[in-house]
Amino acid sequence: MLDKILNNRVISKMNIKSDSNDNPEHAVIVRFKYGIDGLDALFELEDMLEKVVTENEVGEYDGHEIAMDYGDGTLYMYGPNAESLFKTVQPVLKECDFMNGAKAKLRFGPPEDGVTEIEIEV
């Protein structure tokens, strides 16, 4: 299903290209509902994300923001190709209970006006 969304409907129409594998301008930003007291579950997810991103050489896991009441949070990942990065981390995110209903924003370029972004449910 993701291939259909990313490759057929969105990516092919936008004709998105990455400049270089050394240029981490693309981003995957995941917003989620947390609702768990403490950060152990989040830290466990971060360890898994960092491992899969590093092993697959698709970018870097940059960290998280979490609300003071643990209600919701955001994960930040960057790399040269947002599509490859998302396809790499999506299986890990899907295994995590608190990622149910999470939304991933894929940004295909630097954080500036006019850059293509899409949002996908994890």
PDB file of N, CA and C in Angstrom:
ATOM      1  N   MET A   1       0.821  -1.192   0.000  1.00  0.00           N
ATOM      2  CA  MET A   1       0.000   0.000   0.000  1.00  0.00           C
ATOM      3  C   MET A   1       0.867   1.259   0.000  1.00  0.00           C
ATOM      4  N   LEU A   2       1.914   1.280   0.834  1.00  0.00           N
ATOM      5  CA  LEU A   2       2.781   2.462   0.877  1.00  0.00           C
ATOM      6  C   LEU A   2       3.426   2.706  -0.476  1.00  0.00           C
ATOM      7  N   ASP A   3       3.884   1.640  -1.126  1.00  0.00           N
ATOM      8  CA  ASP A   3       4.484   1.816  -2.451  1.00  0.00           C
ATOM      9  C   ASP A   3       3.501   2.482  -3.401  1.00  0.00           C
ATOM     10  N   LYS A   4       2.247   2.087  -3.298  1.00  0.00           N
ATOM     11  CA  LYS A   4       1.233   2.682  -4.158  1.00  0.00           C
ATOM     12  C   LYS A   4       1.093   4.173  -3.862  1.00  0.00           C
ATOM     13  N   ILE A   5       1.046   4.523  -2.583  1.00  0.00           N
ATOM     14  CA  ILE A   5       0.911   5.930  -2.201  1.00  0.00           C
ATOM     15  C   ILE A   5       2.142   6.709  -2.607  1.00  0.00           C
ATOM     16  N   LEU A   6       3.313   6.235  -2.202  1.00  0.00           N
ATOM     17  CA  LEU A   6       4.539   6.992  -2.440  1.00  0.00           C
ATOM     18  C   LEU A   6       4.985   6.951  -3.891  1.00  0.00           C
ATOM     19  N   ASN A   7       5.079   5.784  -4.461  1.00  0.00           N
ATOM     20  CA  ASN A   7       5.640   5.663  -5.804  1.00  0.00           C
ATOM     21  C   ASN A   7       4.658   6.036  -6.902  1.00  0.00           C
ATOM     22  N   ASN A   8       3.484   5.487  -6.862  1.00  0.00           N
ATOM     23  CA  ASN A   8       2.566   5.668  -7.976  1.00  0.00           C
ATOM     24  C   ASN A   8       1.815   6.989  -7.940  1.00  0.00           C
ATOM     25  N   ARG A   9       1.233   7.319  -6.814  1.00  0.00           N
ATOM     26  CA  ARG A   9       0.361   8.488  -6.776  1.00  0.00           C
ATOM     27  C   ARG A   9       1.097   9.777  -6.487  1.00  0.00           C
ATOM     28  N   VAL A  10       2.039   9.755  -5.574  1.00  0.00           N
ATOM     29  CA  VAL A  10       2.632  11.010  -5.129  1.00  0.00           C
ATOM     30  C   VAL A  10       3.989  11.253  -5.766  1.00  0.00           C
ATOM     31  N   ILE A  11       4.920  10.346  -5.559  1.00  0.00           N
ATOM     32  CA  ILE A  11       6.295  10.567  -5.983  1.00  0.00           C
ATOM     33  C   ILE A  11       6.399  10.727  -7.492  1.00  0.00           C
ATOM     34  N   SER A  12       5.748   9.865  -8.249  1.00  0.00           N
ATOM     35  CA  SER A  12       5.886   9.954  -9.699  1.00  0.00           C
ATOM     36  C   SER A  12       5.296  11.256 -10.233  1.00  0.00           C
ATOM     37  N   LYS A  13       4.242  11.756  -9.621  1.00  0.00           N
ATOM     38  CA  LYS A  13       3.642  13.008 -10.072  1.00  0.00           C
ATOM     39  C   LYS A  13       4.508  14.204  -9.714  1.00  0.00           C
ATOM     40  N   MET A  14       5.223  14.115  -8.577  1.00  0.00           N
ATOM     41  CA  MET A  14       6.034  15.246  -8.139  1.00  0.00           C
ATOM     42  C   MET A  14       7.424  15.222  -8.752  1.00  0.00           C
ATOM     43  N   ASN A  15       7.855  14.055  -9.241  1.00  0.00           N
ATOM     44  CA  ASN A  15       9.184  13.908  -9.824  1.00  0.00           C
ATOM     45  C   ASN A  15      10.270  14.444  -8.885  1.00  0.00           C
ATOM     46  N   ILE A  16      10.260  13.921  -7.671  1.00  0.00           N
ATOM     47  CA  ILE A  16      11.192  14.378  -6.646  1.00  0.00           C
ATOM     48  C   ILE A  16      12.521  13.680  -6.815  1.00  0.00           C
ATOM     49  N   LYS A  17      13.588  14.453  -6.718  1.00  0.00           N
ATOM     50  CA  LYS A  17      14.935  13.903  -6.821  1.00  0.00           C
ATOM     51  C   LYS A  17      15.763  14.412  -5.658  1.00  0.00           C
ATOM     52  N   SER A  18      16.708  13.605  -5.249  1.00  0.00           N
ATOM     53  CA  SER A  18      17.634  14.010  -4.202  1.00  0.00           C
ATOM     54  C   SER A  18      18.930  14.453  -4.848  1.00  0.00           C
ATOM     55  N   ASP A  19      19.498  15.558  -4.355  1.00  0.00           N
ATOM     56  CA  ASP A  19      20.726  16.088  -4.922  1.00  0.00           C
ATOM     57  C   ASP A  19      21.922  15.184  -4.682  1.00  0.00           C
ATOM     58  N   SER A  20      22.047  14.679  -3.466  1.00  0.00           N
ATOM     59  CA  SER A  20      23.249  13.945  -3.103  1.00  0.00           C
ATOM     60  C   SER A  20      22.975  13.084  -1.893  1.00  0.00           C
ATOM     61  N   ASN A  21      23.651  11.956  -1.804  1.00  0.00           N
ATOM     62  CA  ASN A  21      23.510  11.110  -0.632  1.00  0.00           C
ATOM     63  C   ASN A  21      24.159  11.728   0.595  1.00  0.00           C
ATOM     64  N   ASP A  22      24.969  12.757   0.423  1.00  0.00           N
ATOM     65  CA  ASP A  22      25.630  13.410   1.541  1.00  0.00           C
ATOM     66  C   ASP A  22      24.848  14.620   2.040  1.00  0.00           C
ATOM     67  N   ASN A  23      23.713  14.920   1.452  1.00  0.00           N
ATOM     68  CA  ASN A  23      22.961  16.117   1.773  1.00  0.00           C
ATOM     69  C   ASN A  23      21.673  15.754   2.512  1.00  0.00           C
ATOM     70  N   PRO A  24      21.672  15.816   3.850  1.00  0.00           N
ATOM     71  CA  PRO A  24      20.493  15.386   4.607  1.00  0.00           C
ATOM     72  C   PRO A  24      19.412  16.458   4.682  1.00  0.00           C
ATOM     73  N   GLU A  25      18.968  16.956   3.544  1.00  0.00           N
ATOM     74  CA  GLU A  25      17.969  18.018   3.516  1.00  0.00           C
ATOM     75  C   GLU A  25      16.533  17.507   3.657  1.00  0.00           C
ATOM     76  N   HIS A  26      16.280  16.260   3.321  1.00  0.00           N
ATOM     77  CA  HIS A  26      14.933  15.715   3.434  1.00  0.00           C
ATOM     78  C   HIS A  26      14.661  15.363   4.893  1.00  0.00           C
ATOM     79  N   ALA A  27      13.375  15.278   5.246  1.00  0.00           N
ATOM     80  CA  ALA A  27      13.018  14.976   6.633  1.00  0.00           C
ATOM     81  C   ALA A  27      11.811  14.057   6.698  1.00  0.00           C
ATOM     82  N   VAL A  28      11.764  13.271   7.765  1.00  0.00           N
ATOM     83  CA  VAL A  28      10.578  12.524   8.155  1.00  0.00           C
ATOM     84  C   VAL A  28      10.288  12.955   9.591  1.00  0.00           C
ATOM     85  N   ILE A  29       9.130  13.565   9.788  1.00  0.00           N
ATOM     86  CA  ILE A  29       8.744  14.077  11.097  1.00  0.00           C
ATOM     87  C   ILE A  29       7.453  13.370  11.492  1.00  0.00           C
ATOM     88  N   VAL A  30       7.504  12.630  12.595  1.00  0.00           N
ATOM     89  CA  VAL A  30       6.383  11.792  13.012  1.00  0.00           C
ATOM     90  C   VAL A  30       5.736  12.395  14.256  1.00  0.00           C
ATOM     91  N   ARG A  31       4.437  12.689  14.157  1.00  0.00           N
ATOM     92  CA  ARG A  31       3.671  13.195  15.300  1.00  0.00           C
ATOM     93  C   ARG A  31       2.785  12.060  15.817  1.00  0.00           C
ATOM     94  N   PHE A  32       2.772  11.895  17.142  1.00  0.00           N
ATOM     95  CA  PHE A  32       2.077  10.756  17.728  1.00  0.00           C
ATOM     96  C   PHE A  32       1.470  11.115  19.079  1.00  0.00           C
ATOM     97  N   LYS A  33       0.484  10.315  19.494  1.00  0.00           N
ATOM     98  CA  LYS A  33      -0.096  10.388  20.836  1.00  0.00           C
ATOM     99  C   LYS A  33       0.681   9.396  21.695  1.00  0.00           C
ATOM    100  N   TYR A  34       1.137   9.851  22.839  1.00  0.00           N
ATOM    101  CA  TYR A  34       1.960   8.984  23.689  1.00  0.00           C
ATOM    102  C   TYR A  34       1.128   8.444  24.851  1.00  0.00           C
ATOM    103  N   GLY A  35       0.833   9.271  25.844  1.00  0.00           N
ATOM    104  CA  GLY A  35      -0.056   8.877  26.926  1.00  0.00           C
ATOM    105  C   GLY A  35       0.473   7.822  27.873  1.00  0.00           C
ATOM    106  N   ILE A  36       1.783   7.676  27.970  1.00  0.00           N
ATOM    107  CA  ILE A  36       2.396   6.701  28.873  1.00  0.00           C
ATOM    108  C   ILE A  36       3.238   7.480  29.874  1.00  0.00           C
ATOM    109  N   ASP A  37       3.068   7.186  31.171  1.00  0.00           N
ATOM    110  CA  ASP A  37       3.915   7.836  32.171  1.00  0.00           C
ATOM    111  C   ASP A  37       5.338   7.327  32.026  1.00  0.00           C
ATOM    112  N   GLY A  38       6.272   8.228  31.935  1.00  0.00           N
ATOM    113  CA  GLY A  38       7.675   7.857  31.787  1.00  0.00           C
ATOM    114  C   GLY A  38       8.068   7.751  30.327  1.00  0.00           C
ATOM    115  N   LEU A  39       9.363   7.668  30.117  1.00  0.00           N
ATOM    116  CA  LEU A  39       9.893   7.691  28.750  1.00  0.00           C
ATOM    117  C   LEU A  39      10.560   6.387  28.315  1.00  0.00           C
ATOM    118  N   ASP A  40      10.477   5.345  29.125  1.00  0.00           N
ATOM    119  CA  ASP A  40      11.157   4.092  28.780  1.00  0.00           C
ATOM    120  C   ASP A  40      10.727   3.545  27.423  1.00  0.00           C
ATOM    121  N   ALA A  41       9.420   3.534  27.151  1.00  0.00           N
ATOM    122  CA  ALA A  41       8.927   3.008  25.871  1.00  0.00           C
ATOM    123  C   ALA A  41       9.430   3.857  24.704  1.00  0.00           C
ATOM    124  N   LEU A  42       9.468   5.165  24.891  1.00  0.00           N
ATOM    125  CA  LEU A  42       9.964   6.058  23.845  1.00  0.00           C
ATOM    126  C   LEU A  42      11.455   5.844  23.612  1.00  0.00           C
ATOM    127  N   PHE A  43      12.218   5.706  24.690  1.00  0.00           N
ATOM    128  CA  PHE A  43      13.658   5.470  24.548  1.00  0.00           C
ATOM    129  C   PHE A  43      13.941   4.147  23.834  1.00  0.00           C
ATOM    130  N   GLU A  44      13.125   3.131  24.115  1.00  0.00           N
ATOM    131  CA  GLU A  44      13.282   1.838  23.438  1.00  0.00           C
ATOM    132  C   GLU A  44      13.028   1.986  21.937  1.00  0.00           C
ATOM    133  N   LEU A  45      11.973   2.723  21.580  1.00  0.00           N
ATOM    134  CA  LEU A  45      11.683   2.973  20.165  1.00  0.00           C
ATOM    135  C   LEU A  45      12.824   3.745  19.521  1.00  0.00           C
ATOM    136  N   GLU A  46      13.335   4.757  20.196  1.00  0.00           N
ATOM    137  CA  GLU A  46      14.434   5.548  19.647  1.00  0.00           C
ATOM    138  C   GLU A  46      15.660   4.686  19.366  1.00  0.00           C
ATOM    139  N   ASP A  47      15.976   3.780  20.270  1.00  0.00           N
ATOM    140  CA  ASP A  47      17.121   2.884  20.050  1.00  0.00           C
ATOM    141  C   ASP A  47      16.932   2.058  18.784  1.00  0.00           C
ATOM    142  N   MET A  48      15.711   1.543  18.590  1.00  0.00           N
ATOM    143  CA  MET A  48      15.436   0.742  17.396  1.00  0.00           C
ATOM    144  C   MET A  48      15.502   1.591  16.128  1.00  0.00           C
ATOM    145  N   LEU A  49      14.956   2.801  16.182  1.00  0.00           N
ATOM    146  CA  LEU A  49      14.996   3.691  15.013  1.00  0.00           C
ATOM    147  C   LEU A  49      16.429   4.067  14.658  1.00  0.00           C
ATOM    148  N   GLU A  50      17.197   4.429  15.667  1.00  0.00           N
ATOM    149  CA  GLU A  50      18.591   4.803  15.417  1.00  0.00           C
ATOM    150  C   GLU A  50      19.359   3.648  14.775  1.00  0.00           C
ATOM    151  N   LYS A  51      19.107   2.436  15.264  1.00  0.00           N
ATOM    152  CA  LYS A  51      19.797   1.258  14.730  1.00  0.00           C
ATOM    153  C   LYS A  51      19.427   1.014  13.266  1.00  0.00           C
ATOM    154  N   VAL A  52      18.141   1.006  12.941  1.00  0.00           N
ATOM    155  CA  VAL A  52      17.716   0.687  11.572  1.00  0.00           C
ATOM    156  C   VAL A  52      18.126   1.783  10.590  1.00  0.00           C
ATOM    157  N   VAL A  53      18.078   3.033  11.018  1.00  0.00           N
ATOM    158  CA  VAL A  53      18.483   4.141  10.144  1.00  0.00           C
ATOM    159  C   VAL A  53      19.980   4.077   9.871  1.00  0.00           C
ATOM    160  N   THR A  54      20.759   3.817  10.909  1.00  0.00           N
ATOM    161  CA  THR A  54      22.216   3.731  10.761  1.00  0.00           C
ATOM    162  C   THR A  54      22.620   2.522   9.928  1.00  0.00           C
ATOM    163  N   GLU A  55      22.054   1.358  10.237  1.00  0.00           N
ATOM    164  CA  GLU A  55      22.412   0.135   9.508  1.00  0.00           C
ATOM    165  C   GLU A  55      22.081   0.230   8.025  1.00  0.00           C
ATOM    166  N   ASN A  56      20.998   0.909   7.697  1.00  0.00           N
ATOM    167  CA  ASN A  56      20.579   1.025   6.294  1.00  0.00           C
ATOM    168  C   ASN A  56      21.137   2.261   5.602  1.00  0.00           C
ATOM    169  N   GLU A  57      21.891   3.062   6.341  1.00  0.00           N
ATOM    170  CA  GLU A  57      22.559   4.249   5.799  1.00  0.00           C
ATOM    171  C   GLU A  57      21.604   5.154   5.021  1.00  0.00           C
ATOM    172  N   VAL A  58      20.436   5.430   5.636  1.00  0.00           N
ATOM    173  CA  VAL A  58      19.439   6.271   4.973  1.00  0.00           C
ATOM    174  C   VAL A  58      19.335   7.664   5.590  1.00  0.00           C
ATOM    175  N   GLY A  59      20.164   7.953   6.577  1.00  0.00           N
ATOM    176  CA  GLY A  59      20.121   9.267   7.209  1.00  0.00           C
ATOM    177  C   GLY A  59      20.474   9.180   8.667  1.00  0.00           C
ATOM    178  N   GLU A  60      19.769  10.004   9.472  1.00  0.00           N
ATOM    179  CA  GLU A  60      20.030  10.006  10.906  1.00  0.00           C
ATOM    180  C   GLU A  60      18.744  10.219  11.683  1.00  0.00           C
ATOM    181  N   TYR A  61      18.668   9.568  12.840  1.00  0.00           N
ATOM    182  CA  TYR A  61      17.588   9.825  13.783  1.00  0.00           C
ATOM    183  C   TYR A  61      18.075  10.963  14.664  1.00  0.00           C
ATOM    184  N   ASP A  62      17.324  12.064  14.722  1.00  0.00           N
ATOM    185  CA  ASP A  62      17.800  13.266  15.402  1.00  0.00           C
ATOM    186  C   ASP A  62      17.263  13.434  16.817  1.00  0.00           C
ATOM    187  N   GLY A  63      16.149  12.807  17.143  1.00  0.00           N
ATOM    188  CA  GLY A  63      15.634  12.938  18.499  1.00  0.00           C
ATOM    189  C   GLY A  63      14.136  13.153  18.534  1.00  0.00           C
ATOM    190  N   HIS A  64      13.658  13.555  19.728  1.00  0.00           N
ATOM    191  CA  HIS A  64      12.219  13.696  19.932  1.00  0.00           C
ATOM    192  C   HIS A  64      11.899  14.947  20.730  1.00  0.00           C
ATOM    193  N   GLU A  65      10.641  15.305  20.695  1.00  0.00           N
ATOM    194  CA  GLU A  65      10.042  16.268  21.612  1.00  0.00           C
ATOM    195  C   GLU A  65       8.844  15.562  22.211  1.00  0.00           C
ATOM    196  N   ILE A  66       8.612  15.768  23.502  1.00  0.00           N
ATOM    197  CA  ILE A  66       7.468  15.139  24.161  1.00  0.00           C
ATOM    198  C   ILE A  66       6.813  16.170  25.079  1.00  0.00           C
ATOM    199  N   ALA A  67       5.494  16.177  25.127  1.00  0.00           N
ATOM    200  CA  ALA A  67       4.773  17.111  25.992  1.00  0.00           C
ATOM    201  C   ALA A  67       5.082  16.815  27.454  1.00  0.00           C
ATOM    202  N   MET A  68       5.028  17.845  28.275  1.00  0.00           N
ATOM    203  CA  MET A  68       5.313  17.685  29.707  1.00  0.00           C
ATOM    204  C   MET A  68       4.380  16.669  30.363  1.00  0.00           C
ATOM    205  N   ASP A  69       3.140  16.560  29.867  1.00  0.00           N
ATOM    206  CA  ASP A  69       2.193  15.597  30.436  1.00  0.00           C
ATOM    207  C   ASP A  69       2.244  14.244  29.720  1.00  0.00           C
ATOM    208  N   TYR A  70       3.231  14.057  28.851  1.00  0.00           N
ATOM    209  CA  TYR A  70       3.407  12.826  28.066  1.00  0.00           C
ATOM    210  C   TYR A  70       2.245  12.555  27.113  1.00  0.00           C
ATOM    211  N   GLY A  71       1.441  13.568  26.807  1.00  0.00           N
ATOM    212  CA  GLY A  71       0.266  13.373  25.963  1.00  0.00           C
ATOM    213  C   GLY A  71       0.582  13.114  24.503  1.00  0.00           C
ATOM    214  N   ASP A  72       1.537  13.853  23.953  1.00  0.00           N
ATOM    215  CA  ASP A  72       1.889  13.659  22.546  1.00  0.00           C
ATOM    216  C   ASP A  72       3.359  13.992  22.340  1.00  0.00           C
ATOM    217  N   GLY A  73       3.837  13.618  21.168  1.00  0.00           N
ATOM    218  CA  GLY A  73       5.248  13.850  20.890  1.00  0.00           C
ATOM    219  C   GLY A  73       5.545  13.884  19.403  1.00  0.00           C
ATOM    220  N   THR A  74       6.801  14.154  19.109  1.00  0.00           N
ATOM    221  CA  THR A  74       7.279  14.259  17.733  1.00  0.00           C
ATOM    222  C   THR A  74       8.657  13.627  17.636  1.00  0.00           C
ATOM    223  N   LEU A  75       8.885  12.861  16.567  1.00  0.00           N
ATOM    224  CA  LEU A  75      10.191  12.273  16.260  1.00  0.00           C
ATOM    225  C   LEU A  75      10.750  12.968  15.028  1.00  0.00           C
ATOM    226  N   TYR A  76      12.071  13.162  15.009  1.00  0.00           N
ATOM    227  CA  TYR A  76      12.721  13.858  13.894  1.00  0.00           C
ATOM    228  C   TYR A  76      13.807  12.989  13.277  1.00  0.00           C
ATOM    229  N   MET A  77      13.720  12.808  11.954  1.00  0.00           N
ATOM    230  CA  MET A  77      14.718  12.050  11.209  1.00  0.00           C
ATOM    231  C   MET A  77      15.053  12.802   9.930  1.00  0.00           C
ATOM    232  N   TYR A  78      16.315  12.753   9.544  1.00  0.00           N
ATOM    233  CA  TYR A  78      16.775  13.496   8.368  1.00  0.00           C
ATOM    234  C   TYR A  78      17.659  12.617   7.496  1.00  0.00           C
ATOM    235  N   GLY A  79      17.632  12.875   6.204  1.00  0.00           N
ATOM    236  CA  GLY A  79      18.461  12.124   5.273  1.00  0.00           C
ATOM    237  C   GLY A  79      18.338  12.685   3.872  1.00  0.00           C
ATOM    238  N   PRO A  80      19.030  12.070   2.924  1.00  0.00           N
ATOM    239  CA  PRO A  80      19.030  12.564   1.550  1.00  0.00           C
ATOM    240  C   PRO A  80      17.767  12.204   0.762  1.00  0.00           C
ATOM    241  N   ASN A  81      16.940  11.262   1.290  1.00  0.00           N
ATOM    242  CA  ASN A  81      15.756  10.827   0.561  1.00  0.00           C
ATOM    243  C   ASN A  81      14.664  10.466   1.563  1.00  0.00           C
ATOM    244  N   ALA A  82      13.656  11.316   1.685  1.00  0.00           N
ATOM    245  CA  ALA A  82      12.593  11.112   2.670  1.00  0.00           C
ATOM    246  C   ALA A  82      11.831   9.815   2.434  1.00  0.00           C
ATOM    247  N   GLU A  83      11.634   9.455   1.190  1.00  0.00           N
ATOM    248  CA  GLU A  83      10.906   8.225   0.879  1.00  0.00           C
ATOM    249  C   GLU A  83      11.663   7.003   1.388  1.00  0.00           C
ATOM    250  N   SER A  84      12.952   6.912   1.101  1.00  0.00           N
ATOM    251  CA  SER A  84      13.763   5.779   1.569  1.00  0.00           C
ATOM    252  C   SER A  84      13.825   5.734   3.088  1.00  0.00           C
ATOM    253  N   LEU A  85      13.966   6.892   3.691  1.00  0.00           N
ATOM    254  CA  LEU A  85      14.021   6.974   5.145  1.00  0.00           C
ATOM    255  C   LEU A  85      12.721   6.469   5.759  1.00  0.00           C
ATOM    256  N   PHE A  86      11.582   6.915   5.228  1.00  0.00           N
ATOM    257  CA  PHE A  86      10.298   6.478   5.767  1.00  0.00           C
ATOM    258  C   PHE A  86      10.078   4.983   5.561  1.00  0.00           C
ATOM    259  N   LYS A  87      10.391   4.491   4.385  1.00  0.00           N
ATOM    260  CA  LYS A  87      10.222   3.057   4.125  1.00  0.00           C
ATOM    261  C   LYS A  87      11.084   2.219   5.066  1.00  0.00           C
ATOM    262  N   THR A  88      12.214   2.752   5.489  1.00  0.00           N
ATOM    263  CA  THR A  88      13.099   2.039   6.406  1.00  0.00           C
ATOM    264  C   THR A  88      12.539   2.017   7.823  1.00  0.00           C
ATOM    265  N   VAL A  89      11.988   3.133   8.293  1.00  0.00           N
ATOM    266  CA  VAL A  89      11.530   3.211   9.681  1.00  0.00           C
ATOM    267  C   VAL A  89      10.080   2.780   9.867  1.00  0.00           C
ATOM    268  N   GLN A  90       9.296   2.760   8.823  1.00  0.00           N
ATOM    269  CA  GLN A  90       7.876   2.439   8.967  1.00  0.00           C
ATOM    270  C   GLN A  90       7.621   1.089   9.645  1.00  0.00           C
ATOM    271  N   PRO A  91       8.321   0.007   9.288  1.00  0.00           N
ATOM    272  CA  PRO A  91       8.063  -1.262   9.982  1.00  0.00           C
ATOM    273  C   PRO A  91       8.327  -1.183  11.490  1.00  0.00           C
ATOM    274  N   VAL A  92       9.336  -0.444  11.892  1.00  0.00           N
ATOM    275  CA  VAL A  92       9.639  -0.273  13.316  1.00  0.00           C
ATOM    276  C   VAL A  92       8.521   0.519  13.988  1.00  0.00           C
ATOM    277  N   LEU A  93       8.066   1.575  13.343  1.00  0.00           N
ATOM    278  CA  LEU A  93       6.991   2.392  13.904  1.00  0.00           C
ATOM    279  C   LEU A  93       5.702   1.592  14.040  1.00  0.00           C
ATOM    280  N   LYS A  94       5.391   0.767  13.054  1.00  0.00           N
ATOM    281  CA  LYS A  94       4.157  -0.020  13.076  1.00  0.00           C
ATOM    282  C   LYS A  94       4.138  -1.041  14.208  1.00  0.00           C
ATOM    283  N   GLU A  95       5.305  -1.488  14.658  1.00  0.00           N
ATOM    284  CA  GLU A  95       5.381  -2.460  15.751  1.00  0.00           C
ATOM    285  C   GLU A  95       5.121  -1.823  17.113  1.00  0.00           C
ATOM    286  N   CYS A  96       5.138  -0.523  17.189  1.00  0.00           N
ATOM    287  CA  CYS A  96       5.042   0.204  18.451  1.00  0.00           C
ATOM    288  C   CYS A  96       3.590   0.610  18.722  1.00  0.00           C
ATOM    289  N   ASP A  97       3.024   0.172  19.851  1.00  0.00           N
ATOM    290  CA  ASP A  97       1.619   0.441  20.167  1.00  0.00           C
ATOM    291  C   ASP A  97       1.271   1.923  20.171  1.00  0.00           C
ATOM    292  N   PHE A  98       2.121   2.761  20.747  1.00  0.00           N
ATOM    293  CA  PHE A  98       1.759   4.175  20.836  1.00  0.00           C
ATOM    294  C   PHE A  98       1.921   4.921  19.507  1.00  0.00           C
ATOM    295  N   MET A  99       2.371   4.244  18.473  1.00  0.00           N
ATOM    296  CA  MET A  99       2.435   4.848  17.139  1.00  0.00           C
ATOM    297  C   MET A  99       1.144   4.621  16.352  1.00  0.00           C
ATOM    298  N   ASN A 100       0.194   3.904  16.938  1.00  0.00           N
ATOM    299  CA  ASN A 100      -1.088   3.671  16.281  1.00  0.00           C
ATOM    300  C   ASN A 100      -1.775   5.016  16.029  1.00  0.00           C
ATOM    301  N   GLY A 101      -2.050   5.335  14.787  1.00  0.00           N
ATOM    302  CA  GLY A 101      -2.670   6.602  14.421  1.00  0.00           C
ATOM    303  C   GLY A 101      -1.693   7.749  14.206  1.00  0.00           C
ATOM    304  N   ALA A 102      -0.408   7.479  14.344  1.00  0.00           N
ATOM    305  CA  ALA A 102       0.602   8.529  14.152  1.00  0.00           C
ATOM    306  C   ALA A 102       0.618   8.993  12.698  1.00  0.00           C
ATOM    307  N   LYS A 103       1.048  10.224  12.495  1.00  0.00           N
ATOM    308  CA  LYS A 103       1.162  10.808  11.153  1.00  0.00           C
ATOM    309  C   LYS A 103       2.619  11.161  10.887  1.00  0.00           C
ATOM    310  N   ALA A 104       3.090  10.787   9.708  1.00  0.00           N
ATOM    311  CA  ALA A 104       4.454  11.113   9.294  1.00  0.00           C
ATOM    312  C   ALA A 104       4.398  12.164   8.194  1.00  0.00           C
ATOM    313  N   LYS A 105       5.138  13.236   8.392  1.00  0.00           N
ATOM    314  CA  LYS A 105       5.279  14.259   7.351  1.00  0.00           C
ATOM    315  C   LYS A 105       6.608  14.009   6.659  1.00  0.00           C
ATOM    316  N   LEU A 106       6.562  13.788   5.355  1.00  0.00           N
ATOM    317  CA  LEU A 106       7.769  13.615   4.553  1.00  0.00           C
ATOM    318  C   LEU A 106       8.034  14.930   3.840  1.00  0.00           C
ATOM    319  N   ARG A 107       9.195  15.489   4.083  1.00  0.00           N
ATOM    320  CA  ARG A 107       9.579  16.759   3.453  1.00  0.00           C
ATOM    321  C   ARG A 107      10.713  16.476   2.485  1.00  0.00           C
ATOM    322  N   PHE A 108      10.522  16.850   1.229  1.00  0.00           N
ATOM    323  CA  PHE A 108      11.458  16.533   0.160  1.00  0.00           C
ATOM    324  C   PHE A 108      12.336  17.730  -0.189  1.00  0.00           C
ATOM    325  N   GLY A 109      13.106  18.178   0.782  1.00  0.00           N
ATOM    326  CA  GLY A 109      14.005  19.304   0.585  1.00  0.00           C
ATOM    327  C   GLY A 109      14.242  20.023   1.894  1.00  0.00           C
ATOM    328  N   PRO A 110      14.906  21.164   1.838  1.00  0.00           N
ATOM    329  CA  PRO A 110      15.214  21.913   3.056  1.00  0.00           C
ATOM    330  C   PRO A 110      13.957  22.558   3.646  1.00  0.00           C
ATOM    331  N   PRO A 111      14.017  22.961   4.912  1.00  0.00           N
ATOM    332  CA  PRO A 111      12.848  23.572   5.556  1.00  0.00           C
ATOM    333  C   PRO A 111      12.632  25.008   5.091  1.00  0.00           C
ATOM    334  N   GLU A 112      12.005  25.142   3.941  1.00  0.00           N
ATOM    335  CA  GLU A 112      11.735  26.471   3.390  1.00  0.00           C
ATOM    336  C   GLU A 112      10.436  26.441   2.608  1.00  0.00           C
ATOM    337  N   ASP A 113       9.907  27.600   2.304  1.00  0.00           N
ATOM    338  CA  ASP A 113       8.663  27.706   1.545  1.00  0.00           C
ATOM    339  C   ASP A 113       8.811  27.060   0.174  1.00  0.00           C
ATOM    340  N   GLY A 114       7.730  26.413  -0.262  1.00  0.00           N
ATOM    341  CA  GLY A 114       7.700  25.839  -1.598  1.00  0.00           C
ATOM    342  C   GLY A 114       8.236  24.424  -1.706  1.00  0.00           C
ATOM    343  N   VAL A 115       8.771  23.878  -0.625  1.00  0.00           N
ATOM    344  CA  VAL A 115       9.294  22.509  -0.653  1.00  0.00           C
ATOM    345  C   VAL A 115       8.118  21.546  -0.535  1.00  0.00           C
ATOM    346  N   THR A 116       8.127  20.493  -1.327  1.00  0.00           N
ATOM    347  CA  THR A 116       7.051  19.516  -1.324  1.00  0.00           C
ATOM    348  C   THR A 116       7.046  18.732  -0.020  1.00  0.00           C
ATOM    349  N   GLU A 117       5.846  18.618   0.571  1.00  0.00           N
ATOM    350  CA  GLU A 117       5.641  17.823   1.772  1.00  0.00           C
ATOM    351  C   GLU A 117       4.385  16.992   1.582  1.00  0.00           C
ATOM    352  N   ILE A 118       4.407  15.779   2.118  1.00  0.00           N
ATOM    353  CA  ILE A 118       3.207  14.949   2.145  1.00  0.00           C
ATOM    354  C   ILE A 118       3.061  14.390   3.552  1.00  0.00           C
ATOM    355  N   GLU A 119       1.827  14.059   3.919  1.00  0.00           N
ATOM    356  CA  GLU A 119       1.569  13.457   5.221  1.00  0.00           C
ATOM    357  C   GLU A 119       0.964  12.083   5.009  1.00  0.00           C
ATOM    358  N   ILE A 120       1.464  11.116   5.766  1.00  0.00           N
ATOM    359  CA  ILE A 120       1.039   9.730   5.631  1.00  0.00           C
ATOM    360  C   ILE A 120       0.769   9.175   7.018  1.00  0.00           C
ATOM    361  N   GLU A 121      -0.306   8.410   7.159  1.00  0.00           N
ATOM    362  CA  GLU A 121      -0.540   7.726   8.427  1.00  0.00           C
ATOM    363  C   GLU A 121       0.442   6.569   8.537  1.00  0.00           C
ATOM    364  N   VAL A 122       1.063   6.465   9.698  1.00  0.00           N
ATOM    365  CA  VAL A 122       2.049   5.412   9.934  1.00  0.00           C
ATOM    366  C   VAL A 122       1.332   4.088   9.958  1.00  0.00           C
TER     367      VAL A 122
END
